[in-house]
C-alpha cells in the first residue's frame, strides 16, 4: 500500500514463518505492503540488512509460505520456488537483499509454466533490467529509507505487468487465503466443499499454480501455528498444542514438526529468542 506521496507503506507483521537462527538472532528486516493495485500478485516486500563480525555466520530458517519469491541482492538475483521443507539462508559479513513474497496467482507467469517444476528449486532471475534498477536504487546505502523505497518502487513497476490476474489465479489466491486463515480447516475435503470443486481438480490446480498439494497447505498452516505457539514466553503444553492443531496425538505432531524443521517441538521451544 502506498502513502499520499507514493511511498511504500512500512509494515511489521507477526512473522510466524521466520524461525530465526538457533541463537535467536535475526538481522533488522524492513517490510513493506504492496500498493492496492498489486494486491492480487504481491503479498509483501521485505529487506534484511546485516553486518556480522568477522568469522561469524548465521543460518536463518523459514517455514516458507506456498508461494514463489524473488530475491535481489548486490551479488545474486533469484526466482525461488515454493519449498516443501525448511528454507535456510546463511548470512556472513555485511549485505542486504530485497525479497518479494508473491501471491500464489503470480507463480505461473514468472515460472513460465506449472509451478511444480520449480518446487524446492531456485533459478536466476531473468529480468536483468529489473535487477540493475534495484541495485542502482540501493547503491551502497541500504540503511537509507528513501533508497529502500525506490527499490520497492522498481519492483512494483515490474510486477504491474502481471496484471490483471486471471480467474484461476484469483481462485488459487482465495483457496490459499482460506486455508491459511481458518484453523478449522483440517481436511482437504473441507476445502473442496468450500469452493465446490472435486479433490482431483483441487490437486491439479495446486500443482499447476503453487507446486504443492492441498494436504501440504493444511500441514504448513498447522506448523506455522505450532512455531508461533512454541516460541511463546511460557513453556507450552505440547499435548495441548497438538490437540488444538487437530493432530490425533502428540507423537504425530512431533513427527511432522521434526520432519520439516529438524527439531522436536520441545527442542524448538527451548531455543533462545530475542528480547522483546
C-alpha atoms as a PDB file:
ATOM      1  CA  UNK A   1       0.000   0.000   0.000  1.00  0.00           C
ATOM      2  CA  UNK A   2       1.384   3.398  -0.810  1.00  0.00           C
ATOM      3  CA  UNK A   3       1.007   6.634   1.077  1.00  0.00           C
ATOM      4  CA  UNK A   4      -0.084  10.001  -0.289  1.00  0.00           C
ATOM      5  CA  UNK A   5       3.300  10.604  -1.922  1.00  0.00           C
ATOM      6  CA  UNK A   6       3.520   7.157  -3.466  1.00  0.00           C
ATOM      7  CA  UNK A   7       5.921   5.717  -0.877  1.00  0.00           C
ATOM      8  CA  UNK A   8       5.579   2.063   0.077  1.00  0.00           C
ATOM      9  CA  UNK A   9       3.952   1.696   3.495  1.00  0.00           C
ATOM     10  CA  UNK A  10       6.232   0.027   6.075  1.00  0.00           C
ATOM     11  CA  UNK A  11       4.581  -2.817   7.949  1.00  0.00           C
ATOM     12  CA  UNK A  12       5.654  -5.025  10.838  1.00  0.00           C
ATOM     13  CA  UNK A  13       3.625  -8.231  10.613  1.00  0.00           C
ATOM     14  CA  UNK A  14       3.897 -11.041  13.095  1.00  0.00           C
ATOM     15  CA  UNK A  15       6.146 -13.327  11.074  1.00  0.00           C
ATOM     16  CA  UNK A  16       5.480 -16.770  12.469  1.00  0.00           C
ATOM     17  CA  UNK A  17       7.162 -18.361   9.431  1.00  0.00           C
ATOM     18  CA  UNK A  18      10.573 -16.948  10.426  1.00  0.00           C
ATOM     19  CA  UNK A  19      12.262 -19.259  12.919  1.00  0.00           C
ATOM     20  CA  UNK A  20      15.436 -17.130  13.372  1.00  0.00           C
ATOM     21  CA  UNK A  21      18.717 -18.959  13.885  1.00  0.00           C
ATOM     22  CA  UNK A  22      19.482 -21.317  16.750  1.00  0.00           C
ATOM     23  CA  UNK A  23      20.769 -18.436  18.899  1.00  0.00           C
ATOM     24  CA  UNK A  24      17.634 -16.356  18.371  1.00  0.00           C
ATOM     25  CA  UNK A  25      19.367 -13.843  16.082  1.00  0.00           C
ATOM     26  CA  UNK A  26      17.724 -12.154  13.149  1.00  0.00           C
ATOM     27  CA  UNK A  27      19.002  -9.122  11.252  1.00  0.00           C
ATOM     28  CA  UNK A  28      16.856  -5.997  11.080  1.00  0.00           C
ATOM     29  CA  UNK A  29      14.150  -6.626   8.469  1.00  0.00           C
ATOM     30  CA  UNK A  30      12.229  -3.793   6.810  1.00  0.00           C
ATOM     31  CA  UNK A  31       8.839  -4.905   5.457  1.00  0.00           C
ATOM     32  CA  UNK A  32       6.503  -3.086   3.089  1.00  0.00           C
ATOM     33  CA  UNK A  33       2.952  -3.661   1.912  1.00  0.00           C
ATOM     34  CA  UNK A  34       2.203  -3.672  -1.831  1.00  0.00           C
ATOM     35  CA  UNK A  35       0.120  -0.970  -3.434  1.00  0.00           C
ATOM     36  CA  UNK A  36      -3.602  -1.836  -3.525  1.00  0.00           C
ATOM     37  CA  UNK A  37      -3.471  -2.325  -7.291  1.00  0.00           C
ATOM     38  CA  UNK A  38      -0.910  -5.130  -6.867  1.00  0.00           C
ATOM     39  CA  UNK A  39      -2.674  -6.980  -4.035  1.00  0.00           C
ATOM     40  CA  UNK A  40      -3.525  -9.891  -6.355  1.00  0.00           C
ATOM     41  CA  UNK A  41       0.142 -10.527  -7.234  1.00  0.00           C
ATOM     42  CA  UNK A  42       2.196  -9.409  -4.189  1.00  0.00           C
ATOM     43  CA  UNK A  43       1.849 -10.236  -0.505  1.00  0.00           C
ATOM     44  CA  UNK A  44       4.685  -8.050   0.741  1.00  0.00           C
ATOM     45  CA  UNK A  45       8.262  -6.938   0.278  1.00  0.00           C
ATOM     46  CA  UNK A  46      10.984  -7.413   2.861  1.00  0.00           C
ATOM     47  CA  UNK A  47      14.593  -6.328   3.133  1.00  0.00           C
ATOM     48  CA  UNK A  48      17.041  -7.656   5.733  1.00  0.00           C
ATOM     49  CA  UNK A  49      20.268  -5.720   6.299  1.00  0.00           C
ATOM     50  CA  UNK A  50      23.047  -7.447   8.198  1.00  0.00           C
ATOM     51  CA  UNK A  51      26.576  -6.794   9.432  1.00  0.00           C
ATOM     52  CA  UNK A  52      28.122  -9.760  11.223  1.00  0.00           C
ATOM     53  CA  UNK A  53      31.545  -9.821  12.887  1.00  0.00           C
ATOM     54  CA  UNK A  54      34.384 -11.490  11.003  1.00  0.00           C
ATOM     55  CA  UNK A  55      34.163 -15.249  11.240  1.00  0.00           C
ATOM     56  CA  UNK A  56      30.563 -15.347  12.393  1.00  0.00           C
ATOM     57  CA  UNK A  57      27.743 -16.816  10.327  1.00  0.00           C
ATOM     58  CA  UNK A  58      24.010 -17.038  10.935  1.00  0.00           C
ATOM     59  CA  UNK A  59      21.720 -19.606   9.349  1.00  0.00           C
ATOM     60  CA  UNK A  60      18.266 -18.047   9.108  1.00  0.00           C
ATOM     61  CA  UNK A  61      15.399 -20.551   8.952  1.00  0.00           C
ATOM     62  CA  UNK A  62      11.994 -20.030   7.367  1.00  0.00           C
ATOM     63  CA  UNK A  63       8.898 -22.206   7.044  1.00  0.00           C
ATOM     64  CA  UNK A  64       8.059 -20.796   3.635  1.00  0.00           C
ATOM     65  CA  UNK A  65       4.530 -19.918   2.577  1.00  0.00           C
ATOM     66  CA  UNK A  66       3.045 -21.654  -0.522  1.00  0.00           C
ATOM     67  CA  UNK A  67       4.305 -19.017  -2.942  1.00  0.00           C
ATOM     68  CA  UNK A  68       7.211 -18.088  -5.180  1.00  0.00           C
ATOM     69  CA  UNK A  69       9.692 -15.411  -4.152  1.00  0.00           C
ATOM     70  CA  UNK A  70      12.100 -13.086  -5.891  1.00  0.00           C
ATOM     71  CA  UNK A  71      15.272 -12.142  -4.042  1.00  0.00           C
ATOM     72  CA  UNK A  72      17.692  -9.497  -5.304  1.00  0.00           C
ATOM     73  CA  UNK A  73      20.924  -8.629  -3.522  1.00  0.00           C
ATOM     74  CA  UNK A  74      24.134  -6.910  -4.561  1.00  0.00           C
ATOM     75  CA  UNK A  75      25.603 -10.291  -5.557  1.00  0.00           C
ATOM     76  CA  UNK A  76      22.731 -12.550  -6.679  1.00  0.00           C
ATOM     77  CA  UNK A  77      19.189 -12.419  -8.041  1.00  0.00           C
ATOM     78  CA  UNK A  78      16.890 -15.431  -7.813  1.00  0.00           C
ATOM     79  CA  UNK A  79      13.397 -16.645  -8.547  1.00  0.00           C
ATOM     80  CA  UNK A  80      12.706 -19.063  -5.696  1.00  0.00           C
ATOM     81  CA  UNK A  81      10.062 -21.753  -5.940  1.00  0.00           C
ATOM     82  CA  UNK A  82       7.925 -22.974  -3.031  1.00  0.00           C
ATOM     83  CA  UNK A  83       9.791 -25.097  -0.519  1.00  0.00           C
ATOM     84  CA  UNK A  84       8.320 -28.282   0.910  1.00  0.00           C
ATOM     85  CA  UNK A  85      10.779 -28.271   3.813  1.00  0.00           C
ATOM     86  CA  UNK A  86      12.665 -25.719   5.852  1.00  0.00           C
ATOM     87  CA  UNK A  87      14.287 -22.925   3.843  1.00  0.00           C
ATOM     88  CA  UNK A  88      17.682 -21.793   5.118  1.00  0.00           C
ATOM     89  CA  UNK A  89      19.934 -18.865   4.224  1.00  0.00           C
ATOM     90  CA  UNK A  90      23.454 -18.454   5.589  1.00  0.00           C
ATOM     91  CA  UNK A  91      24.467 -14.873   6.338  1.00  0.00           C
ATOM     92  CA  UNK A  92      28.029 -13.620   6.804  1.00  0.00           C
ATOM     93  CA  UNK A  93      29.838 -10.308   6.538  1.00  0.00           C
ATOM     94  CA  UNK A  94      27.674  -7.356   5.510  1.00  0.00           C
ATOM     95  CA  UNK A  95      24.864  -7.298   2.993  1.00  0.00           C
ATOM     96  CA  UNK A  96      21.254  -6.744   2.063  1.00  0.00           C
ATOM     97  CA  UNK A  97      18.601  -8.474  -0.013  1.00  0.00           C
ATOM     98  CA  UNK A  98      15.265  -7.230  -1.298  1.00  0.00           C
ATOM     99  CA  UNK A  99      12.712 -10.007  -1.271  1.00  0.00           C
ATOM    100  CA  UNK A 100       9.256 -10.075  -2.801  1.00  0.00           C
ATOM    101  CA  UNK A 101       6.729 -12.553  -1.471  1.00  0.00           C
ATOM    102  CA  UNK A 102       4.348 -13.139  -4.363  1.00  0.00           C
ATOM    103  CA  UNK A 103       0.748 -14.200  -4.251  1.00  0.00           C
ATOM    104  CA  UNK A 104       0.003 -17.792  -5.346  1.00  0.00           C
ATOM    105  CA  UNK A 105      -1.502 -16.430  -8.574  1.00  0.00           C
ATOM    106  CA  UNK A 106       1.787 -14.892  -9.731  1.00  0.00           C
ATOM    107  CA  UNK A 107       3.934 -18.007  -9.892  1.00  0.00           C
ATOM    108  CA  UNK A 108       2.689 -19.416 -13.188  1.00  0.00           C
ATOM    109  CA  UNK A 109       3.624 -16.315 -15.183  1.00  0.00           C
ATOM    110  CA  UNK A 110       7.062 -15.901 -13.634  1.00  0.00           C
ATOM    111  CA  UNK A 111       7.982 -19.583 -13.852  1.00  0.00           C
ATOM    112  CA  UNK A 112       6.694 -19.760 -17.423  1.00  0.00           C
ATOM    113  CA  UNK A 113       4.720 -22.944 -16.804  1.00  0.00           C
ATOM    114  CA  UNK A 114       3.386 -25.112 -13.964  1.00  0.00           C
ATOM    115  CA  UNK A 115       4.914 -24.018 -10.683  1.00  0.00           C
ATOM    116  CA  UNK A 116       5.563 -27.625  -9.656  1.00  0.00           C
ATOM    117  CA  UNK A 117       8.631 -27.557 -11.925  1.00  0.00           C
ATOM    118  CA  UNK A 118      10.227 -25.023  -9.553  1.00  0.00           C
ATOM    119  CA  UNK A 119       9.227 -26.644  -6.243  1.00  0.00           C
ATOM    120  CA  UNK A 120      12.293 -26.871  -3.957  1.00  0.00           C
ATOM    121  CA  UNK A 121      14.409 -25.071  -6.567  1.00  0.00           C
ATOM    122  CA  UNK A 122      15.718 -21.595  -7.330  1.00  0.00           C
ATOM    123  CA  UNK A 123      16.816 -20.207 -10.683  1.00  0.00           C
ATOM    124  CA  UNK A 124      18.491 -16.952 -11.727  1.00  0.00           C
ATOM    125  CA  UNK A 125      16.031 -14.092 -12.090  1.00  0.00           C
ATOM    126  CA  UNK A 126      15.745 -13.460 -15.807  1.00  0.00           C
ATOM    127  CA  UNK A 127      14.903  -9.733 -15.723  1.00  0.00           C
ATOM    128  CA  UNK A 128      18.382  -8.188 -15.823  1.00  0.00           C
ATOM    129  CA  UNK A 129      16.976  -4.661 -16.188  1.00  0.00           C
ATOM    130  CA  UNK A 130      14.943  -5.028 -13.002  1.00  0.00           C
ATOM    131  CA  UNK A 131      17.956  -6.360 -11.112  1.00  0.00           C
ATOM    132  CA  UNK A 132      20.021  -3.380 -12.279  1.00  0.00           C
ATOM    133  CA  UNK A 133      17.314  -0.900 -11.240  1.00  0.00           C
ATOM    134  CA  UNK A 134      17.014  -2.385  -7.752  1.00  0.00           C
ATOM    135  CA  UNK A 135      20.781  -2.421  -7.231  1.00  0.00           C
ATOM    136  CA  UNK A 136      21.090   1.139  -8.500  1.00  0.00           C
ATOM    137  CA  UNK A 137      18.295   2.235  -6.157  1.00  0.00           C
ATOM    138  CA  UNK A 138      20.024   0.754  -3.100  1.00  0.00           C
ATOM    139  CA  UNK A 139      23.600   1.613  -4.088  1.00  0.00           C
ATOM    140  CA  UNK A 140      25.910   1.479  -1.080  1.00  0.00           C
ATOM    141  CA  UNK A 141      23.288   2.803   1.334  1.00  0.00           C
ATOM    142  CA  UNK A 142      20.792   0.068   2.244  1.00  0.00           C
ATOM    143  CA  UNK A 143      20.093   1.849   5.547  1.00  0.00           C
ATOM    144  CA  UNK A 144      18.671   4.856   3.686  1.00  0.00           C
ATOM    145  CA  UNK A 145      14.846   4.540   3.817  1.00  0.00           C
ATOM    146  CA  UNK A 146      14.439   6.610   0.645  1.00  0.00           C
ATOM    147  CA  UNK A 147      16.674   4.216  -1.257  1.00  0.00           C
ATOM    148  CA  UNK A 148      14.704   1.234   0.034  1.00  0.00           C
ATOM    149  CA  UNK A 149      11.505   2.938  -1.090  1.00  0.00           C
ATOM    150  CA  UNK A 150      12.979   3.452  -4.555  1.00  0.00           C
ATOM    151  CA  UNK A 151      13.924  -0.221  -4.782  1.00  0.00           C
ATOM    152  CA  UNK A 152      10.387  -1.287  -3.839  1.00  0.00           C
ATOM    153  CA  UNK A 153       9.016   1.130  -6.444  1.00  0.00           C
ATOM    154  CA  UNK A 154      11.156  -0.572  -9.087  1.00  0.00           C
ATOM    155  CA  UNK A 155       9.702  -3.943  -8.090  1.00  0.00           C
ATOM    156  CA  UNK A 156       6.164  -2.530  -8.198  1.00  0.00           C
ATOM    157  CA  UNK A 157       6.638  -1.180 -11.722  1.00  0.00           C
ATOM    158  CA  UNK A 158       7.924  -4.538 -12.949  1.00  0.00           C
ATOM    159  CA  UNK A 159       5.219  -6.639 -11.285  1.00  0.00           C
ATOM    160  CA  UNK A 160       2.435  -4.441 -12.635  1.00  0.00           C
ATOM    161  CA  UNK A 161       2.945  -6.238 -15.954  1.00  0.00           C
ATOM    162  CA  UNK A 162       1.412  -9.377 -14.362  1.00  0.00           C
ATOM    163  CA  UNK A 163      -1.977  -7.680 -14.088  1.00  0.00           C
ATOM    164  CA  UNK A 164      -4.769  -8.439 -14.464  1.00  0.00           C
ATOM    165  CA  UNK A 165      -4.776 -11.779 -12.665  1.00  0.00           C
ATOM    166  CA  UNK A 166      -6.834 -14.450 -14.431  1.00  0.00           C
ATOM    167  CA  UNK A 167      -9.862 -16.164 -12.897  1.00  0.00           C
ATOM    168  CA  UNK A 168      -7.913 -19.309 -11.994  1.00  0.00           C
ATOM    169  CA  UNK A 169      -5.287 -17.154 -10.295  1.00  0.00           C
ATOM    170  CA  UNK A 170      -7.899 -15.396  -8.208  1.00  0.00           C
ATOM    171  CA  UNK A 171      -9.319 -18.787  -7.248  1.00  0.00           C
ATOM    172  CA  UNK A 172      -5.980 -20.156  -6.069  1.00  0.00           C
ATOM    173  CA  UNK A 173      -5.355 -16.949  -4.095  1.00  0.00           C
ATOM    174  CA  UNK A 174      -8.708 -17.428  -2.379  1.00  0.00           C
ATOM    175  CA  UNK A 175      -8.049 -21.104  -1.630  1.00  0.00           C
ATOM    176  CA  UNK A 176      -4.686 -20.428  -0.022  1.00  0.00           C
ATOM    177  CA  UNK A 177      -6.055 -17.472   1.947  1.00  0.00           C
ATOM    178  CA  UNK A 178      -8.892 -19.658   3.235  1.00  0.00           C
ATOM    179  CA  UNK A 179      -6.621 -22.496   4.352  1.00  0.00           C
ATOM    180  CA  UNK A 180      -4.089 -20.160   5.961  1.00  0.00           C
ATOM    181  CA  UNK A 181      -6.716 -18.096   7.734  1.00  0.00           C
ATOM    182  CA  UNK A 182      -9.130 -20.699   9.075  1.00  0.00           C
ATOM    183  CA  UNK A 183      -7.808 -23.038  11.759  1.00  0.00           C
ATOM    184  CA  UNK A 184     -10.968 -25.133  11.418  1.00  0.00           C
ATOM    185  CA  UNK A 185      -9.765 -26.404   8.021  1.00  0.00           C
ATOM    186  CA  UNK A 186      -8.271 -29.792   8.887  1.00  0.00           C
ATOM    187  CA  UNK A 187      -9.161 -31.888   5.842  1.00  0.00           C
ATOM    188  CA  UNK A 188      -8.810 -31.471   2.087  1.00  0.00           C
ATOM    189  CA  UNK A 189     -12.499 -32.311   1.706  1.00  0.00           C
ATOM    190  CA  UNK A 190     -13.417 -29.155   3.608  1.00  0.00           C
ATOM    191  CA  UNK A 191     -11.578 -27.064   1.010  1.00  0.00           C
ATOM    192  CA  UNK A 192     -13.354 -28.887  -1.810  1.00  0.00           C
ATOM    193  CA  UNK A 193     -16.719 -28.237  -0.197  1.00  0.00           C
ATOM    194  CA  UNK A 194     -15.946 -24.552   0.357  1.00  0.00           C
ATOM    195  CA  UNK A 195     -15.041 -23.940  -3.288  1.00  0.00           C
ATOM    196  CA  UNK A 196     -17.373 -26.518  -4.878  1.00  0.00           C
ATOM    197  CA  UNK A 197     -14.610 -28.431  -6.671  1.00  0.00           C
ATOM    198  CA  UNK A 198     -13.545 -32.083  -6.664  1.00  0.00           C
ATOM    199  CA  UNK A 199     -10.435 -33.246  -4.863  1.00  0.00           C
ATOM    200  CA  UNK A 200      -8.825 -34.212  -8.170  1.00  0.00           C
ATOM    201  CA  UNK A 201      -9.484 -30.749  -9.586  1.00  0.00           C
ATOM    202  CA  UNK A 202      -8.049 -29.154  -6.457  1.00  0.00           C
ATOM    203  CA  UNK A 203      -4.929 -31.322  -6.669  1.00  0.00           C
ATOM    204  CA  UNK A 204      -4.337 -30.372 -10.300  1.00  0.00           C
ATOM    205  CA  UNK A 205      -4.942 -26.701  -9.568  1.00  0.00           C
ATOM    206  CA  UNK A 206      -2.495 -26.510  -6.659  1.00  0.00           C
ATOM    207  CA  UNK A 207       0.188 -28.469  -8.528  1.00  0.00           C
ATOM    208  CA  UNK A 208      -0.087 -26.131 -11.516  1.00  0.00           C
ATOM    209  CA  UNK A 209      -0.402 -22.832  -9.673  1.00  0.00           C
ATOM    210  CA  UNK A 210       1.564 -23.313  -6.433  1.00  0.00           C
ATOM    211  CA  UNK A 211       3.584 -26.504  -6.939  1.00  0.00           C
ATOM    212  CA  UNK A 212       2.251 -28.166  -3.788  1.00  0.00           C
ATOM    213  CA  UNK A 213      -0.527 -30.489  -2.672  1.00  0.00           C
ATOM    214  CA  UNK A 214      -3.699 -29.420  -0.837  1.00  0.00           C
ATOM    215  CA  UNK A 215      -2.633 -31.590   2.104  1.00  0.00           C
ATOM    216  CA  UNK A 216       0.666 -29.686   2.273  1.00  0.00           C
ATOM    217  CA  UNK A 217      -1.234 -26.394   2.562  1.00  0.00           C
ATOM    218  CA  UNK A 218      -3.043 -27.617   5.655  1.00  0.00           C
ATOM    219  CA  UNK A 219       0.088 -29.092   7.240  1.00  0.00           C
ATOM    220  CA  UNK A 220       2.100 -25.918   6.682  1.00  0.00           C
ATOM    221  CA  UNK A 221      -0.617 -23.793   8.277  1.00  0.00           C
ATOM    222  CA  UNK A 222      -0.533 -26.113  11.265  1.00  0.00           C
ATOM    223  CA  UNK A 223       3.261 -25.855  11.539  1.00  0.00           C
ATOM    224  CA  UNK A 224       3.152 -22.059  11.295  1.00  0.00           C
ATOM    225  CA  UNK A 225       0.693 -22.033  14.178  1.00  0.00           C
ATOM    226  CA  UNK A 226       2.850 -24.505  16.080  1.00  0.00           C
ATOM    227  CA  UNK A 227       6.013 -22.429  15.629  1.00  0.00           C
ATOM    228  CA  UNK A 228       4.186 -19.358  16.891  1.00  0.00           C
ATOM    229  CA  UNK A 229       2.880 -21.191  19.960  1.00  0.00           C
ATOM    230  CA  UNK A 230       6.235 -22.847  20.727  1.00  0.00           C
ATOM    231  CA  UNK A 231       8.083 -19.528  20.554  1.00  0.00           C
ATOM    232  CA  UNK A 232       5.951 -18.024  23.308  1.00  0.00           C
ATOM    233  CA  UNK A 233       7.393 -16.950  26.650  1.00  0.00           C
ATOM    234  CA  UNK A 234       5.589 -19.706  28.567  1.00  0.00           C
ATOM    235  CA  UNK A 235       6.699 -23.297  28.111  1.00  0.00           C
ATOM    236  CA  UNK A 236       3.867 -24.834  26.071  1.00  0.00           C
ATOM    237  CA  UNK A 237       1.921 -27.965  26.860  1.00  0.00           C
ATOM    238  CA  UNK A 238       2.892 -29.976  23.784  1.00  0.00           C
ATOM    239  CA  UNK A 239      -0.073 -32.335  24.064  1.00  0.00           C
ATOM    240  CA  UNK A 240      -2.449 -29.342  24.157  1.00  0.00           C
ATOM    241  CA  UNK A 241      -0.726 -27.735  21.154  1.00  0.00           C
ATOM    242  CA  UNK A 242      -1.063 -30.977  19.189  1.00  0.00           C
ATOM    243  CA  UNK A 243      -4.750 -31.306  20.076  1.00  0.00           C
ATOM    244  CA  UNK A 244      -5.507 -27.663  19.280  1.00  0.00           C
ATOM    245  CA  UNK A 245      -3.918 -28.061  15.843  1.00  0.00           C
ATOM    246  CA  UNK A 246      -6.039 -31.096  15.036  1.00  0.00           C
ATOM    247  CA  UNK A 247      -3.420 -33.833  15.402  1.00  0.00           C
ATOM    248  CA  UNK A 248      -4.572 -37.238  16.537  1.00  0.00           C
ATOM    249  CA  UNK A 249      -1.829 -37.334  19.156  1.00  0.00           C
ATOM    250  CA  UNK A 250       1.352 -35.622  20.305  1.00  0.00           C
ATOM    251  CA  UNK A 251       3.579 -38.193  18.591  1.00  0.00           C
ATOM    252  CA  UNK A 252       2.097 -37.420  15.166  1.00  0.00           C
ATOM    253  CA  UNK A 253       2.597 -33.703  15.763  1.00  0.00           C
ATOM    254  CA  UNK A 254       6.184 -34.277  16.835  1.00  0.00           C
ATOM    255  CA  UNK A 255       6.970 -36.333  13.731  1.00  0.00           C
ATOM    256  CA  UNK A 256       5.532 -33.691  11.398  1.00  0.00           C
ATOM    257  CA  UNK A 257       7.366 -30.856  13.128  1.00  0.00           C
ATOM    258  CA  UNK A 258      10.710 -32.663  13.202  1.00  0.00           C
ATOM    259  CA  UNK A 259      10.414 -33.877   9.598  1.00  0.00           C
ATOM    260  CA  UNK A 260      10.236 -30.278   8.395  1.00  0.00           C
ATOM    261  CA  UNK A 261      12.370 -28.351  10.900  1.00  0.00           C
ATOM    262  CA  UNK A 262      14.861 -30.987  12.021  1.00  0.00           C
ATOM    263  CA  UNK A 263      13.892 -30.267  15.627  1.00  0.00           C
ATOM    264  CA  UNK A 264      11.384 -31.775  18.002  1.00  0.00           C
ATOM    265  CA  UNK A 265       8.740 -29.329  19.282  1.00  0.00           C
ATOM    266  CA  UNK A 266      10.412 -29.412  22.690  1.00  0.00           C
ATOM    267  CA  UNK A 267      13.835 -28.596  21.236  1.00  0.00           C
ATOM    268  CA  UNK A 268      12.442 -25.686  19.266  1.00  0.00           C
ATOM    269  CA  UNK A 269      10.534 -24.344  22.280  1.00  0.00           C
ATOM    270  CA  UNK A 270      13.773 -24.398  24.296  1.00  0.00           C
ATOM    271  CA  UNK A 271      15.771 -22.291  21.817  1.00  0.00           C
ATOM    272  CA  UNK A 272      16.728 -18.746  22.715  1.00  0.00           C
ATOM    273  CA  UNK A 273      14.583 -15.853  21.491  1.00  0.00           C
ATOM    274  CA  UNK A 274      15.468 -12.208  21.020  1.00  0.00           C
ATOM    275  CA  UNK A 275      14.259  -9.956  23.866  1.00  0.00           C
ATOM    276  CA  UNK A 276      11.076  -8.096  23.053  1.00  0.00           C
END
